[in-house]
Protein backbone atom coordinates (compact mmCIF):
# COMPACT_ATOMS: atom_id res chain seq x y z
CA MET A 1 16.96 -53.42 49.30
CA GLU A 2 14.27 -52.01 47.01
CA ILE A 3 10.66 -52.04 48.18
CA GLU A 4 7.26 -51.46 46.60
CA ILE A 5 4.76 -49.32 48.47
CA GLU A 6 0.99 -49.75 47.91
CA GLU A 7 -1.97 -48.17 49.60
CA HIS A 8 -4.84 -50.51 50.49
CA GLY A 9 -7.83 -49.10 52.35
CA GLY A 10 -5.87 -46.51 54.28
CA CYS A 11 -2.96 -48.86 55.04
CA LEU A 12 0.45 -48.94 53.43
CA VAL A 13 1.80 -52.29 52.29
CA LEU A 14 5.56 -52.67 51.89
CA ARG A 15 7.05 -55.59 50.00
CA PRO A 16 10.44 -56.33 48.49
CA VAL A 17 10.75 -55.73 44.75
CA ARG A 18 11.04 -59.01 42.91
CA LYS A 19 13.59 -58.87 40.15
CA LEU A 20 12.29 -60.44 36.93
CA PRO A 21 14.67 -62.39 34.74
CA ARG A 22 15.96 -60.53 31.68
CA THR A 23 13.63 -61.33 28.77
CA THR A 24 14.14 -60.81 25.05
CA LEU A 25 11.61 -60.68 22.22
CA ALA A 26 12.89 -64.08 21.07
CA ASP A 27 11.92 -65.49 24.49
CA LEU A 28 8.34 -64.31 23.99
CA ILE A 29 7.79 -65.43 20.39
CA GLY A 30 5.06 -68.02 20.31
CA CYS A 31 3.68 -67.26 23.76
CA THR A 32 0.22 -66.56 22.27
CA GLY A 33 -0.15 -70.14 21.03
CA TYR A 34 -1.28 -69.02 17.54
CA GLN A 35 -0.31 -71.70 15.02
CA GLY A 36 -1.72 -70.27 11.75
CA PRO A 37 -0.17 -68.14 9.04
CA ALA A 38 1.16 -64.68 9.81
CA LYS A 39 -1.50 -61.93 9.86
CA SER A 40 -1.08 -58.39 8.57
CA LEU A 41 -1.90 -55.38 10.71
CA GLU A 42 -4.96 -54.79 8.51
CA ASP A 43 -6.15 -58.38 9.14
CA MET A 44 -5.75 -57.94 12.90
CA GLU A 45 -7.56 -54.57 12.92
CA SER A 46 -10.40 -56.09 10.88
CA GLY A 47 -10.70 -58.99 13.31
CA VAL A 48 -10.79 -56.65 16.33
CA ALA A 49 -13.47 -54.51 14.65
CA GLU A 50 -15.57 -57.60 13.83
CA GLY A 51 -15.30 -58.83 17.42
CA ALA A 52 -16.38 -55.41 18.70
CA ARG A 53 -19.42 -55.42 16.38
CA GLN A 54 -20.42 -58.90 17.55
CA SER A 55 -20.16 -58.01 21.23
CA ARG A 56 -22.74 -55.20 20.99
């Protein structure tokens, strides 16, 4: 049995490792819910920069 060990406030917590199902990239496609046209890396970087400017 594999276990995870975590420290919480001076105590150790032991719990069994949960095995996750094998996942492929194809399984994850579409998980963001975006329905529009594909965006380039430049478009995404521009959008992130604009959001950062607006949040100041």
